[in-house]
């Protein structure tokens, strides 16, 4: 298992590192500015907040932001995920147990099947659910009234959320990757909470190698701390920080072994592309979805891969990063261009 997979398998950061108020949340300025207005207006009206759909890559703070919404509204918070709700009855149970104005958080909401979505529609619009009890001629329709509530859905794949479900969310928030400067502030904050002292420049070094993702930054900070503790450093030095990253195989852009494997396959095996995601997945032995959700968004964001109608193409920056010679005719996505290797 790669370092990247280990980090993703851990899930969200430990609660002590998560912000609990909007004022503590770093980055996503436009999202937070608008959200604060929606929350303040809702509190003045004393009504439930409109349903909220939060989208973005893993680790950017969707769960944290959902919890903050409940904290700012001073209402209960119930978290779950679409994969954990396998039956319509499970969803009805969650809905009927909600208290007035409670926030129900559903992670990976794109995982709902059509029947579950259909149960949600009247619940989101009019706060009731329709059930059919019995079968055939003995079947009876039963309507259950619900308490007013706010559904906060999170998704890493907004394109898979059906249009009817998406249209029932009054508030749409899209989280984007963080800047290196914002990441350094996040690392400094987490270090303070963990009582870890950092030498000058260490927070920025950890931040810039964290794939612009707070969750990864917090895990890398802990791993760098491990190396410093073994070396009996009371203040983590730049030298120890760099050494830790070398040992973990995380380079200056934040790429790990799997990222570099993807780039090497794209360049060495397929001449820089274009190539579809399936051949890459087969060669490196990863699932297509894992590559699309976990690795590819960052590789595209930092300009190492371009997604074209014909497939993935390695950019000049990817060649340079791997120390390989680059030919500009391969960057155009010309399938007839000769390969380098």
Protein backbone atom coordinates (compact mmCIF):
# COMPACT_ATOMS: atom_id res chain seq x y z
CA UNK A 1 0.00 0.00 0.00
CA UNK A 2 1.36 3.42 -0.98
CA UNK A 3 1.68 6.36 1.40
CA UNK A 4 -1.17 8.06 -0.48
CA UNK A 5 -3.46 5.03 0.06
CA UNK A 6 -2.52 4.81 3.73
CA UNK A 7 -3.49 8.44 4.24
CA UNK A 8 -6.81 8.00 2.43
CA UNK A 9 -7.61 4.83 4.39
CA UNK A 10 -7.32 6.69 7.68
CA UNK A 11 -10.25 8.95 6.79
CA UNK A 12 -10.81 12.38 8.27
CA UNK A 13 -8.34 14.03 10.59
CA UNK A 14 -8.56 13.44 14.31
CA UNK A 15 -11.28 15.69 15.78
CA UNK A 16 -8.80 17.84 17.72
CA UNK A 17 -7.33 19.16 14.47
CA UNK A 18 -10.59 20.04 12.78
CA UNK A 19 -11.90 23.60 12.87
CA UNK A 20 -15.23 23.89 14.65
CA UNK A 21 -16.21 27.44 13.59
CA UNK A 22 -16.22 29.35 10.33
CA UNK A 23 -13.67 31.75 11.81
CA UNK A 24 -11.23 28.87 12.33
CA UNK A 25 -11.54 27.46 8.80
CA UNK A 26 -8.56 28.44 6.64
CA UNK A 27 -8.91 29.01 2.90
CA UNK A 28 -12.00 28.68 0.66
CA UNK A 29 -12.64 32.40 1.23
CA UNK A 30 -15.48 32.88 -1.25
CA UNK A 31 -17.27 29.73 -0.06
CA UNK A 32 -17.04 30.78 3.59
CA UNK A 33 -18.10 34.37 2.91
CA UNK A 34 -21.29 33.26 1.17
CA UNK A 35 -21.99 30.48 3.66
CA UNK A 36 -21.73 32.88 6.59
CA UNK A 37 -24.43 35.05 4.96
CA UNK A 38 -26.74 32.08 4.45
CA UNK A 39 -26.29 30.95 8.04
CA UNK A 40 -26.81 34.41 9.51
CA UNK A 41 -29.97 34.96 7.48
CA UNK A 42 -31.31 31.56 8.52
CA UNK A 43 -30.69 32.31 12.18
CA UNK A 44 -32.55 35.60 11.88
CA UNK A 45 -35.53 33.91 10.24
CA UNK A 46 -35.39 31.02 12.73
CA UNK A 47 -35.94 28.52 9.93
CA UNK A 48 -33.92 25.50 8.74
CA UNK A 49 -30.98 26.24 6.46
CA UNK A 50 -31.59 25.27 2.84
CA UNK A 51 -30.17 21.89 1.90
CA UNK A 52 -26.45 22.11 1.07
CA UNK A 53 -24.43 20.15 -1.52
CA UNK A 54 -20.64 20.29 -0.99
CA UNK A 55 -18.40 18.97 -3.76
CA UNK A 56 -14.66 18.65 -4.18
CA UNK A 57 -11.74 16.20 -4.06
CA UNK A 58 -11.11 14.11 -0.92
CA UNK A 59 -9.53 15.74 2.11
CA UNK A 60 -10.46 19.38 1.46
CA UNK A 61 -12.82 19.67 4.44
CA UNK A 62 -16.33 18.68 3.31
CA UNK A 63 -17.12 16.75 6.49
CA UNK A 64 -15.53 19.45 8.62
CA UNK A 65 -17.58 22.16 6.92
CA UNK A 66 -20.80 20.19 7.43
CA UNK A 67 -20.00 19.92 11.13
CA UNK A 68 -19.25 23.64 11.27
CA UNK A 69 -22.65 24.40 9.73
CA UNK A 70 -24.35 22.50 12.57
CA UNK A 71 -22.15 24.22 15.17
CA UNK A 72 -22.87 27.69 13.79
CA UNK A 73 -26.61 26.96 13.78
CA UNK A 74 -26.39 25.37 17.25
CA UNK A 75 -28.33 22.30 16.09
CA UNK A 76 -27.65 18.54 16.37
CA UNK A 77 -25.45 16.84 13.76
CA UNK A 78 -25.96 13.31 12.43
CA UNK A 79 -23.32 11.97 10.02
CA UNK A 80 -23.65 8.97 7.71
CA UNK A 81 -22.75 8.00 4.15
CA UNK A 82 -24.66 6.73 1.13
CA UNK A 83 -22.74 3.40 1.02
CA UNK A 84 -23.76 2.78 4.66
CA UNK A 85 -27.45 3.20 3.82
CA UNK A 86 -28.14 0.06 1.81
CA UNK A 87 -31.95 0.04 2.07
CA UNK A 88 -34.73 2.58 1.83
CA UNK A 89 -35.81 1.57 5.34
CA UNK A 90 -32.42 2.64 6.69
CA UNK A 91 -32.84 6.07 5.12
CA UNK A 92 -36.36 6.42 6.51
CA UNK A 93 -35.04 5.54 9.97
CA UNK A 94 -32.45 8.32 9.77
CA UNK A 95 -35.06 10.83 8.59
CA UNK A 96 -37.69 9.99 11.19
CA UNK A 97 -35.22 10.27 14.07
CA UNK A 98 -34.10 13.79 13.14
CA UNK A 99 -34.84 16.59 15.58
CA UNK A 100 -36.10 20.05 14.59
CA UNK A 101 -33.63 21.86 12.29
CA UNK A 102 -31.06 19.07 12.71
CA UNK A 103 -28.27 18.69 10.14
CA UNK A 104 -28.15 15.28 8.45
CA UNK A 105 -24.80 14.84 6.74
CA UNK A 106 -24.59 12.23 3.96
CA UNK A 107 -21.11 11.65 2.59
CA UNK A 108 -20.61 10.34 -0.97
CA UNK A 109 -24.24 11.18 -1.67
CA UNK A 110 -23.78 10.26 -5.34
CA UNK A 111 -23.92 6.64 -4.15
CA UNK A 112 -27.69 6.69 -3.59
CA UNK A 113 -29.73 4.51 -5.92
CA UNK A 114 -32.86 5.84 -7.64
CA UNK A 115 -35.34 4.45 -5.09
CA UNK A 116 -33.47 6.08 -2.22
CA UNK A 117 -33.39 9.38 -4.06
CA UNK A 118 -37.13 9.19 -4.63
CA UNK A 119 -37.64 8.83 -0.89
CA UNK A 120 -35.55 11.95 -0.38
CA UNK A 121 -37.45 14.23 -2.76
CA UNK A 122 -40.61 14.80 -0.63
CA UNK A 123 -38.49 14.75 2.53
CA UNK A 124 -36.30 17.58 1.25
CA UNK A 125 -39.15 19.61 -0.22
CA UNK A 126 -42.04 19.14 2.23
CA UNK A 127 -40.59 17.19 5.18
CA UNK A 128 -42.46 13.92 4.79
CA UNK A 129 -41.79 10.46 3.40
CA UNK A 130 -44.18 8.19 1.53
CA UNK A 131 -44.10 4.49 2.36
CA UNK A 132 -45.97 1.57 0.87
CA UNK A 133 -46.89 -1.03 3.48
CA UNK A 134 -47.81 -4.52 2.30
CA UNK A 135 -47.96 -5.97 -1.19
CA UNK A 136 -50.47 -6.35 -4.01
CA UNK A 137 -54.11 -5.58 -3.23
CA UNK A 138 -53.36 -5.27 0.49
CA UNK A 139 -50.77 -2.54 -0.02
CA UNK A 140 -51.44 0.76 1.72
CA UNK A 141 -49.77 4.14 1.28
CA UNK A 142 -48.45 5.66 4.49
CA UNK A 143 -47.22 9.23 4.84
CA UNK A 144 -44.86 10.05 7.72
CA UNK A 145 -44.38 13.67 8.72
CA UNK A 146 -40.81 14.73 9.53
CA UNK A 147 -39.29 17.50 11.56
CA UNK A 148 -37.82 20.35 9.47
CA UNK A 149 -34.15 19.52 8.82
CA UNK A 150 -31.16 20.41 6.67
CA UNK A 151 -29.57 17.79 4.45
CA UNK A 152 -25.88 18.40 3.80
CA UNK A 153 -24.61 16.13 1.05
CA UNK A 154 -20.94 15.73 0.16
CA UNK A 155 -19.53 14.26 -3.01
CA UNK A 156 -16.18 13.77 -4.69
CA UNK A 157 -17.96 13.06 -7.97
CA UNK A 158 -20.56 15.78 -8.51
CA UNK A 159 -21.18 14.59 -12.07
CA UNK A 160 -22.70 11.38 -10.67
CA UNK A 161 -25.30 13.21 -8.58
CA UNK A 162 -28.53 12.99 -10.57
CA UNK A 163 -30.05 16.25 -11.81
CA UNK A 164 -33.36 15.76 -9.90
CA UNK A 165 -31.47 15.31 -6.63
CA UNK A 166 -28.99 18.10 -7.35
CA UNK A 167 -31.82 20.54 -8.10
CA UNK A 168 -33.27 20.05 -4.62
CA UNK A 169 -30.20 21.51 -2.93
CA UNK A 170 -30.66 25.25 -2.48
CA UNK A 171 -26.98 25.86 -1.68
CA UNK A 172 -24.11 24.51 -3.78
CA UNK A 173 -20.56 24.81 -2.41
CA UNK A 174 -17.51 23.71 -4.38
CA UNK A 175 -14.25 23.30 -2.46
CA UNK A 176 -11.04 23.80 -4.40
CA UNK A 177 -7.41 22.92 -3.70
CA UNK A 178 -5.55 25.23 -1.31
CA UNK A 179 -2.59 27.49 -2.08
CA UNK A 180 0.84 26.69 -0.66
CA UNK A 181 0.55 29.73 1.62
CA UNK A 182 -2.80 28.54 3.00
CA UNK A 183 -1.35 25.07 3.48
CA UNK A 184 1.53 26.52 5.53
CA UNK A 185 -0.98 28.31 7.80
CA UNK A 186 -2.92 25.05 8.23
CA UNK A 187 0.29 23.18 9.14
CA UNK A 188 1.23 25.88 11.67
CA UNK A 189 -2.23 25.66 13.26
CA UNK A 190 -2.09 21.86 13.47
CA UNK A 191 1.43 22.00 14.90
CA UNK A 192 0.22 24.32 17.67
CA UNK A 193 -2.66 21.97 18.48
CA UNK A 194 -0.28 18.99 18.56
CA UNK A 195 2.27 20.95 20.64
CA UNK A 196 4.85 20.47 17.88
CA UNK A 197 7.50 23.16 17.36
CA UNK A 198 8.67 23.85 13.82
CA UNK A 199 11.80 25.62 12.62
CA UNK A 200 11.43 28.45 10.12
CA UNK A 201 10.28 27.23 6.72
CA UNK A 202 9.22 23.75 7.87
CA UNK A 203 5.48 24.54 7.80
CA UNK A 204 5.77 25.76 4.21
CA UNK A 205 7.86 22.72 3.23
CA UNK A 206 5.24 20.34 4.62
CA UNK A 207 2.42 22.40 3.13
CA UNK A 208 3.80 22.48 -0.40
CA UNK A 209 4.26 18.68 -0.38
CA UNK A 210 0.73 18.02 0.87
CA UNK A 211 -1.00 18.01 -2.53
CA UNK A 212 -2.83 21.22 -1.56
CA UNK A 213 -4.98 19.10 0.78
CA UNK A 214 -5.32 19.75 4.56
CA UNK A 215 -5.96 16.11 5.48
CA UNK A 216 -2.71 15.06 3.86
CA UNK A 217 -0.84 17.96 5.47
CA UNK A 218 -1.94 16.86 8.93
CA UNK A 219 -0.86 13.27 8.35
CA UNK A 220 2.49 14.30 6.88
CA UNK A 221 3.08 16.63 9.82
CA UNK A 222 2.64 13.67 12.18
CA UNK A 223 5.00 11.50 10.16
CA UNK A 224 7.67 14.23 10.08
CA UNK A 225 7.18 14.57 13.84
CA UNK A 226 7.92 10.85 14.19
CA UNK A 227 11.29 11.24 12.47
CA UNK A 228 12.11 14.28 14.61
CA UNK A 229 11.25 12.47 17.84
CA UNK A 230 13.49 9.54 16.94
CA UNK A 231 16.31 12.06 16.37
CA UNK A 232 15.44 13.74 19.71
CA UNK A 233 14.71 17.07 18.05
CA UNK A 234 12.62 19.38 20.20
CA UNK A 235 12.17 21.75 17.27
CA UNK A 236 11.71 20.07 13.88
CA UNK A 237 14.47 21.27 11.57
CA UNK A 238 14.35 21.77 7.82
CA UNK A 239 17.01 19.07 7.44
CA UNK A 240 14.96 16.47 9.31
CA UNK A 241 11.84 17.50 7.40
CA UNK A 242 13.54 16.94 4.03
CA UNK A 243 15.03 13.64 5.24
CA UNK A 244 11.59 12.43 6.34
CA UNK A 245 10.10 13.16 2.93
CA UNK A 246 12.96 11.38 1.19
CA UNK A 247 12.34 8.31 3.34
CA UNK A 248 8.59 8.46 2.65
CA UNK A 249 9.11 8.91 -1.08
CA UNK A 250 7.26 12.21 -1.26
CA UNK A 251 8.95 14.62 -3.67
CA UNK A 252 8.96 18.42 -3.78
CA UNK A 253 5.60 18.55 -5.62
CA UNK A 254 3.99 16.12 -3.19
CA UNK A 255 4.04 13.19 -5.63
CA UNK A 256 4.44 9.70 -4.20
CA UNK A 257 5.50 6.44 -5.86
CA UNK A 258 2.09 5.82 -7.46
CA UNK A 259 1.90 9.32 -8.95
CA UNK A 260 5.33 8.86 -10.52
CA UNK A 261 4.33 5.40 -11.72
CA UNK A 262 1.30 6.88 -13.51
CA UNK A 263 3.49 9.48 -15.21
CA UNK A 264 6.14 6.94 -16.15
CA UNK A 265 3.58 4.60 -17.69
CA UNK A 266 1.97 7.46 -19.59
CA UNK A 267 5.33 8.61 -20.98
CA UNK A 268 7.41 5.44 -21.28
CA UNK A 269 4.68 2.99 -22.24
CA UNK A 270 2.35 5.21 -24.25
CA UNK A 271 4.70 7.86 -25.61
CA UNK A 272 3.14 10.63 -23.56
CA UNK A 273 -0.42 9.88 -24.66
CA UNK A 274 -3.16 10.38 -25.42
CA UNK A 275 -4.34 7.26 -23.62
CA UNK A 276 -7.47 6.29 -21.70
CA UNK A 277 -7.56 5.68 -17.97
CA UNK A 278 -8.22 1.94 -18.32
CA UNK A 279 -4.85 1.00 -19.89
CA UNK A 280 -3.02 3.02 -17.23
CA UNK A 281 -5.00 1.30 -14.46
CA UNK A 282 -4.24 -2.15 -15.89
CA UNK A 283 -0.50 -1.50 -16.14
CA UNK A 284 -0.03 -0.09 -12.63
CA UNK A 285 -2.54 -2.45 -11.00
CA UNK A 286 -4.87 0.21 -9.59
CA UNK A 287 -8.62 0.62 -9.92
CA UNK A 288 -9.75 3.19 -12.48
CA UNK A 289 -11.86 5.01 -9.90
CA UNK A 290 -8.93 5.25 -7.49
CA UNK A 291 -6.83 6.91 -10.16
CA UNK A 292 -9.65 9.24 -11.22
CA UNK A 293 -10.63 10.28 -7.68
CA UNK A 294 -7.36 10.16 -5.75
CA UNK A 295 -4.44 10.77 -8.08
CA UNK A 296 -5.57 12.39 -11.31
CA UNK A 297 -7.23 15.59 -9.94
CA UNK A 298 -3.97 16.73 -8.37
CA UNK A 299 -1.83 15.70 -11.36
CA UNK A 300 -4.12 17.74 -13.60
CA UNK A 301 -4.23 20.68 -11.18
CA UNK A 302 -0.44 21.04 -10.99
CA UNK A 303 -0.11 20.76 -14.76
CA UNK A 304 1.50 17.33 -15.12
CA UNK A 305 -1.37 15.76 -17.07
CA UNK A 306 -3.87 17.23 -19.53
CA UNK A 307 -7.24 15.59 -20.10
CA UNK A 308 -8.15 15.75 -23.79
CA UNK A 309 -11.07 14.26 -25.79
CA UNK A 310 -8.64 11.57 -26.94
CA UNK A 311 -7.35 10.71 -23.46
CA UNK A 312 -4.67 11.69 -20.93
CA UNK A 313 -1.57 13.49 -22.18
CA UNK A 314 1.66 14.10 -20.25
CA UNK A 315 2.73 17.75 -20.32
CA UNK A 316 6.19 19.26 -20.74
CA UNK A 317 6.22 19.80 -16.97
CA UNK A 318 5.76 16.04 -16.39
CA UNK A 319 8.76 15.23 -18.58
CA UNK A 320 10.83 17.87 -16.80
CA UNK A 321 9.79 16.63 -13.37
CA UNK A 322 10.89 13.09 -14.21
CA UNK A 323 14.07 14.32 -15.89
CA UNK A 324 13.06 13.03 -19.32
CA UNK A 325 13.54 14.66 -22.76
CA UNK A 326 10.42 16.30 -24.11
CA UNK A 327 9.10 16.66 -27.66
CA UNK A 328 6.42 19.30 -28.21
CA UNK A 329 4.58 17.30 -30.88
CA UNK A 330 3.56 14.80 -28.19
CA UNK A 331 1.87 17.48 -26.09
CA UNK A 332 -0.74 18.19 -28.75
CA UNK A 333 -2.44 14.84 -28.25
CA UNK A 334 -1.63 13.71 -31.79
CA UNK A 335 -2.24 9.99 -31.81
CA UNK A 336 -0.05 9.60 -34.89
CA UNK A 337 2.98 11.23 -33.31
CA UNK A 338 5.94 8.88 -32.82
CA UNK A 339 6.62 7.70 -29.27
CA UNK A 340 9.74 8.48 -27.32
CA UNK A 341 10.20 4.99 -25.99
